[in-house]
Amino acid sequence: MIYRILIIVLSSMLFGYLLGRKLGREEGLKEGILFTPIILRKRSLEEGKCTSCGREYFDLDGQS
């Protein structure tokens, strides 16, 4: 009797873990897709050049 209860408890904990992990991964992927362009733009502005092509930006006074 105690073994059945123990198996049920452990099985439900494993199921909860696997479900939570799956949902967390999906949420993380969605968040990564949304924030990647913002992070790339920030890095690009901090470095003063385009991160994809390497071209330098110009300041407001026309100097690079």
C-alpha atoms as a PDB file:
ATOM      1  CA  MET A   1       0.000   0.000   0.000  1.00  0.00           C
ATOM      2  CA  ILE A   2       2.739   2.491   0.923  1.00  0.00           C
ATOM      3  CA  TYR A   3       4.641   1.646  -2.258  1.00  0.00           C
ATOM      4  CA  ARG A   4       1.651   2.549  -4.425  1.00  0.00           C
ATOM      5  CA  ILE A   5       1.298   5.914  -2.706  1.00  0.00           C
ATOM      6  CA  LEU A   6       5.017   6.537  -3.043  1.00  0.00           C
ATOM      7  CA  ILE A   7       4.945   5.650  -6.762  1.00  0.00           C
ATOM      8  CA  ILE A   8       1.940   7.928  -7.329  1.00  0.00           C
ATOM      9  CA  VAL A   9       3.601  10.839  -5.504  1.00  0.00           C
ATOM     10  CA  LEU A  10       6.907  10.437  -7.335  1.00  0.00           C
ATOM     11  CA  SER A  11       5.139  10.047 -10.686  1.00  0.00           C
ATOM     12  CA  SER A  12       3.107  13.204 -10.151  1.00  0.00           C
ATOM     13  CA  MET A  13       6.241  15.125  -9.132  1.00  0.00           C
ATOM     14  CA  LEU A  14       8.046  13.942 -12.261  1.00  0.00           C
ATOM     15  CA  PHE A  15       5.073  14.892 -14.429  1.00  0.00           C
ATOM     16  CA  GLY A  16       4.935  18.366 -12.842  1.00  0.00           C
ATOM     17  CA  TYR A  17       8.652  18.852 -13.371  1.00  0.00           C
ATOM     18  CA  LEU A  18       8.503  17.829 -17.031  1.00  0.00           C
ATOM     19  CA  LEU A  19       5.460  20.002 -17.717  1.00  0.00           C
ATOM     20  CA  GLY A  20       7.049  23.011 -16.010  1.00  0.00           C
ATOM     21  CA  ARG A  21      10.273  22.545 -17.904  1.00  0.00           C
ATOM     22  CA  LYS A  22       8.466  22.360 -21.245  1.00  0.00           C
ATOM     23  CA  LEU A  23       6.429  25.492 -20.538  1.00  0.00           C
ATOM     24  CA  GLY A  24       9.524  27.333 -19.269  1.00  0.00           C
ATOM     25  CA  ARG A  25      11.495  26.523 -22.403  1.00  0.00           C
ATOM     26  CA  GLU A  26       8.676  27.736 -24.636  1.00  0.00           C
ATOM     27  CA  GLU A  27       8.387  30.969 -22.657  1.00  0.00           C
ATOM     28  CA  GLY A  28      12.153  31.469 -22.782  1.00  0.00           C
ATOM     29  CA  LEU A  29      12.251  31.020 -26.538  1.00  0.00           C
ATOM     30  CA  LYS A  30       9.436  33.544 -27.036  1.00  0.00           C
ATOM     31  CA  GLU A  31      11.183  36.040 -24.778  1.00  0.00           C
ATOM     32  CA  GLY A  32      14.488  35.534 -26.580  1.00  0.00           C
ATOM     33  CA  ILE A  33      12.882  36.130 -29.959  1.00  0.00           C
ATOM     34  CA  LEU A  34      11.308  39.356 -28.681  1.00  0.00           C
ATOM     35  CA  PHE A  35      14.394  40.772 -26.954  1.00  0.00           C
ATOM     36  CA  THR A  36      17.130  39.828 -29.427  1.00  0.00           C
ATOM     37  CA  PRO A  37      16.549  42.796 -31.792  1.00  0.00           C
ATOM     38  CA  ILE A  38      16.547  45.196 -28.830  1.00  0.00           C
ATOM     39  CA  ILE A  39      19.778  43.761 -27.435  1.00  0.00           C
ATOM     40  CA  LEU A  40      21.478  43.886 -30.846  1.00  0.00           C
ATOM     41  CA  ARG A  41      20.383  47.502 -31.362  1.00  0.00           C
ATOM     42  CA  LYS A  42      21.679  48.483 -27.910  1.00  0.00           C
ATOM     43  CA  ARG A  43      25.030  46.797 -28.505  1.00  0.00           C
ATOM     44  CA  SER A  44      25.271  48.404 -31.914  1.00  0.00           C
ATOM     45  CA  LEU A  45      24.673  51.891 -30.495  1.00  0.00           C
ATOM     46  CA  GLU A  46      27.138  51.334 -27.644  1.00  0.00           C
ATOM     47  CA  GLU A  47      29.906  50.218 -30.008  1.00  0.00           C
ATOM     48  CA  GLY A  48      29.160  52.928 -32.572  1.00  0.00           C
ATOM     49  CA  LYS A  49      28.931  50.517 -35.490  1.00  0.00           C
ATOM     50  CA  CYS A  50      26.491  48.085 -37.016  1.00  0.00           C
ATOM     51  CA  THR A  51      26.813  44.612 -35.493  1.00  0.00           C
ATOM     52  CA  SER A  52      25.797  42.852 -38.702  1.00  0.00           C
ATOM     53  CA  CYS A  53      27.862  44.692 -41.330  1.00  0.00           C
ATOM     54  CA  GLY A  54      30.481  46.537 -39.246  1.00  0.00           C
ATOM     55  CA  ARG A  55      29.753  49.960 -40.774  1.00  0.00           C
ATOM     56  CA  GLU A  56      30.395  52.842 -38.377  1.00  0.00           C
ATOM     57  CA  TYR A  57      27.695  55.318 -37.438  1.00  0.00           C
ATOM     58  CA  PHE A  58      28.107  59.041 -37.829  1.00  0.00           C
ATOM     59  CA  ASP A  59      27.698  61.533 -35.023  1.00  0.00           C
ATOM     60  CA  LEU A  60      25.284  64.430 -35.338  1.00  0.00           C
ATOM     61  CA  ASP A  61      28.106  66.712 -36.502  1.00  0.00           C
ATOM     62  CA  GLY A  62      28.954  64.378 -39.402  1.00  0.00           C
ATOM     63  CA  GLN A  63      32.089  62.790 -38.007  1.00  0.00           C
ATOM     64  CA  SER A  64      32.442  59.021 -37.657  1.00  0.00           C
END
